[in-house]
PDB file of N, CA and C in Angstrom:
ATOM      1  N   UNK A   1     -30.051 -13.595  10.788  1.00  0.00           N
ATOM      2  CA  UNK A   1     -30.388 -14.816  10.102  1.00  0.00           C
ATOM      3  C   UNK A   1     -29.280 -15.834  10.346  1.00  0.00           C
ATOM      4  N   UNK A   2     -29.627 -17.001  10.824  1.00  0.00           N
ATOM      5  CA  UNK A   2     -28.641 -18.041  11.097  1.00  0.00           C
ATOM      6  C   UNK A   2     -28.754 -19.133  10.038  1.00  0.00           C
ATOM      7  N   UNK A   3     -27.689 -19.879   9.907  1.00  0.00           N
ATOM      8  CA  UNK A   3     -27.722 -20.998   8.966  1.00  0.00           C
ATOM      9  C   UNK A   3     -28.386 -22.196   9.624  1.00  0.00           C
ATOM     10  N   UNK A   4     -28.714 -23.182   8.823  1.00  0.00           N
ATOM     11  CA  UNK A   4     -29.381 -24.352   9.379  1.00  0.00           C
ATOM     12  C   UNK A   4     -28.413 -25.301  10.068  1.00  0.00           C
ATOM     13  N   UNK A   5     -27.094 -25.078   9.897  1.00  0.00           N
ATOM     14  CA  UNK A   5     -26.120 -26.024  10.432  1.00  0.00           C
ATOM     15  C   UNK A   5     -25.547 -25.609  11.781  1.00  0.00           C
ATOM     16  N   UNK A   6     -25.536 -24.332  12.063  1.00  0.00           N
ATOM     17  CA  UNK A   6     -25.027 -23.886  13.355  1.00  0.00           C
ATOM     18  C   UNK A   6     -25.655 -22.541  13.702  1.00  0.00           C
ATOM     19  N   UNK A   7     -25.233 -21.977  14.807  1.00  0.00           N
ATOM     20  CA  UNK A   7     -25.836 -20.736  15.275  1.00  0.00           C
ATOM     21  C   UNK A   7     -25.113 -19.482  14.792  1.00  0.00           C
ATOM     22  N   UNK A   8     -24.099 -19.643  13.932  1.00  0.00           N
ATOM     23  CA  UNK A   8     -23.397 -18.478  13.400  1.00  0.00           C
ATOM     24  C   UNK A   8     -24.291 -17.723  12.442  1.00  0.00           C
ATOM     25  N   UNK A   9     -24.207 -16.425  12.503  1.00  0.00           N
ATOM     26  CA  UNK A   9     -24.936 -15.621  11.535  1.00  0.00           C
ATOM     27  C   UNK A   9     -24.286 -15.773  10.165  1.00  0.00           C
ATOM     28  N   UNK A  10     -25.098 -15.685   9.133  1.00  0.00           N
ATOM     29  CA  UNK A  10     -24.517 -15.788   7.790  1.00  0.00           C
ATOM     30  C   UNK A  10     -23.628 -14.585   7.543  1.00  0.00           C
ATOM     31  N   UNK A  11     -22.553 -14.811   6.827  1.00  0.00           N
ATOM     32  CA  UNK A  11     -21.609 -13.745   6.548  1.00  0.00           C
ATOM     33  C   UNK A  11     -20.451 -13.711   7.528  1.00  0.00           C
ATOM     34  N   UNK A  12     -20.551 -14.422   8.636  1.00  0.00           N
ATOM     35  CA  UNK A  12     -19.446 -14.455   9.587  1.00  0.00           C
ATOM     36  C   UNK A  12     -18.497 -15.580   9.226  1.00  0.00           C
ATOM     37  N   UNK A  13     -17.212 -15.348   9.466  1.00  0.00           N
ATOM     38  CA  UNK A  13     -16.212 -16.370   9.189  1.00  0.00           C
ATOM     39  C   UNK A  13     -15.963 -17.194  10.439  1.00  0.00           C
ATOM     40  N   UNK A  14     -15.712 -18.489  10.272  1.00  0.00           N
ATOM     41  CA  UNK A  14     -15.374 -19.308  11.434  1.00  0.00           C
ATOM     42  C   UNK A  14     -14.018 -18.904  11.990  1.00  0.00           C
ATOM     43  N   UNK A  15     -13.776 -19.263  13.234  1.00  0.00           N
ATOM     44  CA  UNK A  15     -12.511 -18.922  13.887  1.00  0.00           C
ATOM     45  C   UNK A  15     -11.352 -19.566  13.134  1.00  0.00           C
ATOM     46  N   UNK A  16     -10.320 -18.781  12.853  1.00  0.00           N
ATOM     47  CA  UNK A  16      -9.156 -19.302  12.166  1.00  0.00           C
ATOM     48  C   UNK A  16      -9.199 -19.135  10.663  1.00  0.00           C
ATOM     49  N   UNK A  17     -10.296 -18.634  10.121  1.00  0.00           N
ATOM     50  CA  UNK A  17     -10.372 -18.415   8.683  1.00  0.00           C
ATOM     51  C   UNK A  17      -9.562 -17.181   8.314  1.00  0.00           C
ATOM     52  N   UNK A  18      -8.986 -17.167   7.126  1.00  0.00           N
ATOM     53  CA  UNK A  18      -8.197 -15.999   6.729  1.00  0.00           C
ATOM     54  C   UNK A  18      -9.065 -14.753   6.623  1.00  0.00           C
ATOM     55  N   UNK A  19      -8.534 -13.658   7.128  1.00  0.00           N
ATOM     56  CA  UNK A  19      -9.267 -12.405   7.088  1.00  0.00           C
ATOM     57  C   UNK A  19      -8.679 -11.548   5.989  1.00  0.00           C
ATOM     58  N   UNK A  20      -9.510 -11.010   5.153  1.00  0.00           N
ATOM     59  CA  UNK A  20      -9.040 -10.069   4.154  1.00  0.00           C
ATOM     60  C   UNK A  20      -8.778 -10.710   2.809  1.00  0.00           C
ATOM     61  N   UNK A  21      -8.625  -9.836   1.842  1.00  0.00           N
ATOM     62  CA  UNK A  21      -8.368 -10.268   0.482  1.00  0.00           C
ATOM     63  C   UNK A  21      -7.205  -9.466  -0.067  1.00  0.00           C
ATOM     64  N   UNK A  22      -6.951  -9.627  -1.339  1.00  0.00           N
ATOM     65  CA  UNK A  22      -5.857  -8.895  -1.975  1.00  0.00           C
ATOM     66  C   UNK A  22      -6.155  -7.408  -2.052  1.00  0.00           C
ATOM     67  N   UNK A  23      -7.421  -7.026  -2.006  1.00  0.00           N
ATOM     68  CA  UNK A  23      -7.764  -5.610  -2.103  1.00  0.00           C
ATOM     69  C   UNK A  23      -7.504  -4.875  -0.795  1.00  0.00           C
ATOM     70  N   UNK A  24      -7.148  -5.583   0.263  1.00  0.00           N
ATOM     71  CA  UNK A  24      -6.848  -4.922   1.528  1.00  0.00           C
ATOM     72  C   UNK A  24      -5.536  -4.150   1.461  1.00  0.00           C
ATOM     73  N   UNK A  25      -4.713  -4.441   0.482  1.00  0.00           N
ATOM     74  CA  UNK A  25      -3.427  -3.768   0.326  1.00  0.00           C
ATOM     75  C   UNK A  25      -3.446  -2.749  -0.802  1.00  0.00           C
ATOM     76  N   UNK A  26      -4.604  -2.224  -1.133  1.00  0.00           N
ATOM     77  CA  UNK A  26      -4.739  -1.353  -2.301  1.00  0.00           C
ATOM     78  C   UNK A  26      -3.882  -0.104  -2.188  1.00  0.00           C
ATOM     79  N   UNK A  27      -3.892   0.579  -1.059  1.00  0.00           N
ATOM     80  CA  UNK A  27      -3.094   1.789  -0.915  1.00  0.00           C
ATOM     81  C   UNK A  27      -1.603   1.485  -0.984  1.00  0.00           C
ATOM     82  N   UNK A  28      -1.194   0.380  -0.425  1.00  0.00           N
ATOM     83  CA  UNK A  28       0.219   0.006  -0.467  1.00  0.00           C
ATOM     84  C   UNK A  28       0.670  -0.284  -1.890  1.00  0.00           C
ATOM     85  N   UNK A  29      -0.158  -0.961  -2.642  1.00  0.00           N
ATOM     86  CA  UNK A  29       0.197  -1.285  -4.023  1.00  0.00           C
ATOM     87  C   UNK A  29       0.261  -0.016  -4.867  1.00  0.00           C
ATOM     88  N   UNK A  30      -0.694   0.874  -4.681  1.00  0.00           N
ATOM     89  CA  UNK A  30      -0.667   2.149  -5.404  1.00  0.00           C
ATOM     90  C   UNK A  30       0.574   2.945  -5.026  1.00  0.00           C
ATOM     91  N   UNK A  31       0.933   2.941  -3.746  1.00  0.00           N
ATOM     92  CA  UNK A  31       2.123   3.663  -3.296  1.00  0.00           C
ATOM     93  C   UNK A  31       3.381   3.073  -3.921  1.00  0.00           C
ATOM     94  N   UNK A  32       3.451   1.751  -4.047  1.00  0.00           N
ATOM     95  CA  UNK A  32       4.614   1.131  -4.670  1.00  0.00           C
ATOM     96  C   UNK A  32       4.716   1.493  -6.150  1.00  0.00           C
ATOM     97  N   UNK A  33       3.607   1.466  -6.848  1.00  0.00           N
ATOM     98  CA  UNK A  33       3.614   1.812  -8.270  1.00  0.00           C
ATOM     99  C   UNK A  33       4.041   3.263  -8.454  1.00  0.00           C
ATOM    100  N   UNK A  34       3.505   4.165  -7.638  1.00  0.00           N
ATOM    101  CA  UNK A  34       3.896   5.567  -7.740  1.00  0.00           C
ATOM    102  C   UNK A  34       5.355   5.768  -7.343  1.00  0.00           C
ATOM    103  N   UNK A  35       5.837   4.993  -6.391  1.00  0.00           N
ATOM    104  CA  UNK A  35       7.241   5.079  -6.001  1.00  0.00           C
ATOM    105  C   UNK A  35       8.171   4.677  -7.120  1.00  0.00           C
ATOM    106  N   UNK A  36       7.812   3.630  -7.851  1.00  0.00           N
ATOM    107  CA  UNK A  36       8.625   3.210  -8.990  1.00  0.00           C
ATOM    108  C   UNK A  36       8.537   4.247 -10.108  1.00  0.00           C
ATOM    109  N   UNK A  37       7.356   4.781 -10.341  1.00  0.00           N
ATOM    110  CA  UNK A  37       7.206   5.816 -11.366  1.00  0.00           C
ATOM    111  C   UNK A  37       7.987   7.078 -11.025  1.00  0.00           C
ATOM    112  N   UNK A  38       8.147   7.352  -9.740  1.00  0.00           N
ATOM    113  CA  UNK A  38       8.853   8.569  -9.348  1.00  0.00           C
ATOM    114  C   UNK A  38      10.350   8.484  -9.632  1.00  0.00           C
ATOM    115  N   UNK A  39      10.864   7.293  -9.888  1.00  0.00           N
ATOM    116  CA  UNK A  39      12.259   7.170 -10.312  1.00  0.00           C
ATOM    117  C   UNK A  39      12.471   7.792 -11.689  1.00  0.00           C
ATOM    118  N   UNK A  40      11.436   7.763 -12.522  1.00  0.00           N
ATOM    119  CA  UNK A  40      11.572   8.192 -13.908  1.00  0.00           C
ATOM    120  C   UNK A  40      10.866   9.522 -14.177  1.00  0.00           C
ATOM    121  N   UNK A  41       9.634   9.661 -13.691  1.00  0.00           N
ATOM    122  CA  UNK A  41       8.813  10.828 -13.989  1.00  0.00           C
ATOM    123  C   UNK A  41       8.482  11.601 -12.720  1.00  0.00           C
ATOM    124  N   UNK A  42       8.721  12.872 -12.699  1.00  0.00           N
ATOM    125  CA  UNK A  42       8.295  13.800 -11.656  1.00  0.00           C
ATOM    126  C   UNK A  42       8.444  13.242 -10.233  1.00  0.00           C
ATOM    127  N   UNK A  43       9.656  13.070  -9.760  1.00  0.00           N
ATOM    128  CA  UNK A  43       9.852  12.463  -8.438  1.00  0.00           C
ATOM    129  C   UNK A  43       9.236  13.264  -7.300  1.00  0.00           C
ATOM    130  N   UNK A  44       9.205  14.588  -7.429  1.00  0.00           N
ATOM    131  CA  UNK A  44       8.616  15.387  -6.354  1.00  0.00           C
ATOM    132  C   UNK A  44       7.121  15.101  -6.227  1.00  0.00           C
ATOM    133  N   UNK A  45       6.436  15.009  -7.339  1.00  0.00           N
ATOM    134  CA  UNK A  45       4.986  14.790  -7.308  1.00  0.00           C
ATOM    135  C   UNK A  45       4.656  13.344  -6.942  1.00  0.00           C
ATOM    136  N   UNK A  46       5.146  12.397  -7.748  1.00  0.00           N
ATOM    137  CA  UNK A  46       4.799  10.993  -7.528  1.00  0.00           C
ATOM    138  C   UNK A  46       5.393  10.448  -6.234  1.00  0.00           C
ATOM    139  N   UNK A  47       6.600  10.866  -5.903  1.00  0.00           N
ATOM    140  CA  UNK A  47       7.242  10.378  -4.684  1.00  0.00           C
ATOM    141  C   UNK A  47       6.542  10.840  -3.422  1.00  0.00           C
ATOM    142  N   UNK A  48       6.133  12.090  -3.400  1.00  0.00           N
ATOM    143  CA  UNK A  48       5.437  12.613  -2.212  1.00  0.00           C
ATOM    144  C   UNK A  48       4.069  11.963  -2.070  1.00  0.00           C
ATOM    145  N   UNK A  49       3.353  11.833  -3.183  1.00  0.00           N
ATOM    146  CA  UNK A  49       2.040  11.167  -3.121  1.00  0.00           C
ATOM    147  C   UNK A  49       2.205   9.717  -2.657  1.00  0.00           C
ATOM    148  N   UNK A  50       3.237   9.039  -3.159  1.00  0.00           N
ATOM    149  CA  UNK A  50       3.489   7.654  -2.752  1.00  0.00           C
ATOM    150  C   UNK A  50       3.800   7.574  -1.264  1.00  0.00           C
ATOM    151  N   UNK A  51       4.606   8.493  -0.763  1.00  0.00           N
ATOM    152  CA  UNK A  51       4.918   8.493   0.674  1.00  0.00           C
ATOM    153  C   UNK A  51       3.674   8.724   1.522  1.00  0.00           C
ATOM    154  N   UNK A  52       2.844   9.655   1.114  1.00  0.00           N
ATOM    155  CA  UNK A  52       1.617   9.939   1.878  1.00  0.00           C
ATOM    156  C   UNK A  52       0.700   8.722   1.890  1.00  0.00           C
ATOM    157  N   UNK A  53       0.529   8.086   0.731  1.00  0.00           N
ATOM    158  CA  UNK A  53      -0.323   6.893   0.673  1.00  0.00           C
ATOM    159  C   UNK A  53       0.246   5.752   1.512  1.00  0.00           C
ATOM    160  N   UNK A  54       1.560   5.584   1.499  1.00  0.00           N
ATOM    161  CA  UNK A  54       2.179   4.525   2.291  1.00  0.00           C
ATOM    162  C   UNK A  54       2.034   4.789   3.785  1.00  0.00           C
ATOM    163  N   UNK A  55       2.148   6.048   4.187  1.00  0.00           N
ATOM    164  CA  UNK A  55       1.974   6.382   5.607  1.00  0.00           C
ATOM    165  C   UNK A  55       0.533   6.155   6.036  1.00  0.00           C
ATOM    166  N   UNK A  56      -0.414   6.521   5.186  1.00  0.00           N
ATOM    167  CA  UNK A  56      -1.825   6.265   5.508  1.00  0.00           C
ATOM    168  C   UNK A  56      -2.086   4.765   5.592  1.00  0.00           C
ATOM    169  N   UNK A  57      -1.508   4.004   4.665  1.00  0.00           N
ATOM    170  CA  UNK A  57      -1.684   2.546   4.688  1.00  0.00           C
ATOM    171  C   UNK A  57      -1.111   1.939   5.956  1.00  0.00           C
ATOM    172  N   UNK A  58      -0.020   2.501   6.452  1.00  0.00           N
ATOM    173  CA  UNK A  58       0.624   1.964   7.662  1.00  0.00           C
ATOM    174  C   UNK A  58      -0.128   2.360   8.926  1.00  0.00           C
ATOM    175  N   UNK A  59      -0.454   3.644   9.059  1.00  0.00           N
ATOM    176  CA  UNK A  59      -0.994   4.120  10.328  1.00  0.00           C
ATOM    177  C   UNK A  59      -2.500   3.934  10.456  1.00  0.00           C
ATOM    178  N   UNK A  60      -3.227   4.177   9.388  1.00  0.00           N
ATOM    179  CA  UNK A  60      -4.690   4.144   9.482  1.00  0.00           C
ATOM    180  C   UNK A  60      -5.244   2.769   9.140  1.00  0.00           C
ATOM    181  N   UNK A  61      -4.785   2.201   8.028  1.00  0.00           N
ATOM    182  CA  UNK A  61      -5.383   0.956   7.547  1.00  0.00           C
ATOM    183  C   UNK A  61      -4.642  -0.301   7.968  1.00  0.00           C
ATOM    184  N   UNK A  62      -3.419  -0.182   8.504  1.00  0.00           N
ATOM    185  CA  UNK A  62      -2.619  -1.314   8.989  1.00  0.00           C
ATOM    186  C   UNK A  62      -2.482  -2.416   7.937  1.00  0.00           C
ATOM    187  N   UNK A  63      -2.078  -2.021   6.734  1.00  0.00           N
ATOM    188  CA  UNK A  63      -1.912  -2.978   5.644  1.00  0.00           C
ATOM    189  C   UNK A  63      -0.596  -3.724   5.776  1.00  0.00           C
ATOM    190  N   UNK A  64      -0.569  -4.952   5.283  1.00  0.00           N
ATOM    191  CA  UNK A  64       0.626  -5.789   5.397  1.00  0.00           C
ATOM    192  C   UNK A  64       1.774  -5.277   4.545  1.00  0.00           C
ATOM    193  N   UNK A  65       1.481  -4.699   3.406  1.00  0.00           N
ATOM    194  CA  UNK A  65       2.513  -4.244   2.487  1.00  0.00           C
ATOM    195  C   UNK A  65       2.892  -2.784   2.693  1.00  0.00           C
ATOM    196  N   UNK A  66       2.534  -2.209   3.808  1.00  0.00           N
ATOM    197  CA  UNK A  66       2.783  -0.788   4.034  1.00  0.00           C
ATOM    198  C   UNK A  66       4.270  -0.486   4.215  1.00  0.00           C
ATOM    199  N   UNK A  67       4.992  -1.326   4.914  1.00  0.00           N
ATOM    200  CA  UNK A  67       6.425  -1.067   5.143  1.00  0.00           C
ATOM    201  C   UNK A  67       7.213  -1.167   3.832  1.00  0.00           C
ATOM    202  N   UNK A  68       7.015  -2.214   3.015  1.00  0.00           N
ATOM    203  CA  UNK A  68       7.697  -2.201   1.715  1.00  0.00           C
ATOM    204  C   UNK A  68       7.282  -1.019   0.840  1.00  0.00           C
ATOM    205  N   UNK A  69       6.035  -0.596   0.950  1.00  0.00           N
ATOM    206  CA  UNK A  69       5.579   0.567   0.182  1.00  0.00           C
ATOM    207  C   UNK A  69       6.288   1.833   0.647  1.00  0.00           C
ATOM    208  N   UNK A  70       6.504   1.955   1.953  1.00  0.00           N
ATOM    209  CA  UNK A  70       7.256   3.102   2.471  1.00  0.00           C
ATOM    210  C   UNK A  70       8.684   3.106   1.932  1.00  0.00           C
ATOM    211  N   UNK A  71       9.311   1.954   1.908  1.00  0.00           N
ATOM    212  CA  UNK A  71      10.689   1.858   1.429  1.00  0.00           C
ATOM    213  C   UNK A  71      10.765   2.187  -0.057  1.00  0.00           C
ATOM    214  N   UNK A  72       9.875   1.587  -0.852  1.00  0.00           N
ATOM    215  CA  UNK A  72       9.890   1.819  -2.296  1.00  0.00           C
ATOM    216  C   UNK A  72       9.605   3.280  -2.615  1.00  0.00           C
ATOM    217  N   UNK A  73       8.651   3.873  -1.924  1.00  0.00           N
ATOM    218  CA  UNK A  73       8.327   5.272  -2.208  1.00  0.00           C
ATOM    219  C   UNK A  73       9.449   6.208  -1.775  1.00  0.00           C
ATOM    220  N   UNK A  74      10.109   5.939  -0.657  1.00  0.00           N
ATOM    221  CA  UNK A  74      11.228   6.782  -0.221  1.00  0.00           C
ATOM    222  C   UNK A  74      12.416   6.640  -1.169  1.00  0.00           C
ATOM    223  N   UNK A  75      12.723   5.423  -1.586  1.00  0.00           N
ATOM    224  CA  UNK A  75      13.813   5.207  -2.530  1.00  0.00           C
ATOM    225  C   UNK A  75      13.479   5.847  -3.874  1.00  0.00           C
ATOM    226  N   UNK A  76      12.228   5.749  -4.297  1.00  0.00           N
ATOM    227  CA  UNK A  76      11.822   6.374  -5.550  1.00  0.00           C
ATOM    228  C   UNK A  76      11.917   7.883  -5.493  1.00  0.00           C
ATOM    229  N   UNK A  77      11.519   8.469  -4.376  1.00  0.00           N
ATOM    230  CA  UNK A  77      11.580   9.925  -4.222  1.00  0.00           C
ATOM    231  C   UNK A  77      13.029  10.404  -4.229  1.00  0.00           C
ATOM    232  N   UNK A  78      13.849   9.830  -3.392  1.00  0.00           N
ATOM    233  CA  UNK A  78      15.252  10.268  -3.287  1.00  0.00           C
ATOM    234  C   UNK A  78      16.035   9.880  -4.546  1.00  0.00           C
ATOM    235  N   UNK A  79      15.836   8.654  -5.012  1.00  0.00           N
ATOM    236  CA  UNK A  79      16.535   8.215  -6.216  1.00  0.00           C
ATOM    237  C   UNK A  79      16.148   9.004  -7.449  1.00  0.00           C
ATOM    238  N   UNK A  80      14.893   9.358  -7.564  1.00  0.00           N
ATOM    239  CA  UNK A  80      14.442  10.157  -8.703  1.00  0.00           C
ATOM    240  C   UNK A  80      15.042  11.554  -8.678  1.00  0.00           C
ATOM    241  N   UNK A  81      15.141  12.141  -7.489  1.00  0.00           N
ATOM    242  CA  UNK A  81      15.748  13.461  -7.392  1.00  0.00           C
ATOM    243  C   UNK A  81      17.243  13.412  -7.708  1.00  0.00           C
ATOM    244  N   UNK A  82      17.928  12.392  -7.208  1.00  0.00           N
ATOM    245  CA  UNK A  82      19.361  12.257  -7.492  1.00  0.00           C
ATOM    246  C   UNK A  82      19.581  11.991  -8.977  1.00  0.00           C
ATOM    247  N   UNK A  83      18.788  11.104  -9.537  1.00  0.00           N
ATOM    248  CA  UNK A  83      18.904  10.787 -10.962  1.00  0.00           C
ATOM    249  C   UNK A  83      18.617  12.025 -11.811  1.00  0.00           C
ATOM    250  N   UNK A  84      17.617  12.794 -11.434  1.00  0.00           N
ATOM    251  CA  UNK A  84      17.298  14.022 -12.159  1.00  0.00           C
ATOM    252  C   UNK A  84      18.416  15.047 -12.056  1.00  0.00           C
ATOM    253  N   UNK A  85      19.048  15.131 -10.895  1.00  0.00           N
ATOM    254  CA  UNK A  85      20.137  16.083 -10.728  1.00  0.00           C
ATOM    255  C   UNK A  85      21.366  15.656 -11.533  1.00  0.00           C
ATOM    256  N   UNK A  86      21.611  14.363 -11.617  1.00  0.00           N
ATOM    257  CA  UNK A  86      22.755  13.884 -12.379  1.00  0.00           C
ATOM    258  C   UNK A  86      22.568  14.052 -13.887  1.00  0.00           C
ATOM    259  N   UNK A  87      21.352  13.899 -14.348  1.00  0.00           N
ATOM    260  CA  UNK A  87      21.084  13.997 -15.784  1.00  0.00           C
ATOM    261  C   UNK A  87      20.817  15.420 -16.248  1.00  0.00           C
ATOM    262  N   UNK A  88      20.615  16.335 -15.328  1.00  0.00           N
ATOM    263  CA  UNK A  88      20.296  17.721 -15.705  1.00  0.00           C
ATOM    264  C   UNK A  88      21.527  18.493 -16.115  1.00  0.00           C
TER     265      UNK A  88
END
């Protein structure tokens, strides 16, 4: 189905239009939240899950926030373990 103004099919974006929305970074955002939580609660569980989600966001989905998510989740995992060892 084409529009009455041009030959583009409906639902297609014109050249140069922004692609994607805020939900395209969903895995990265979840990984960041879990990375921050792993500083305080269960770093082995939350930190590992955050790292896995960040790696999937980087390699499979190519999300923009994947690299910061990797950093936050790694810092949360290591920092949570160090903090837990110091307080134990």
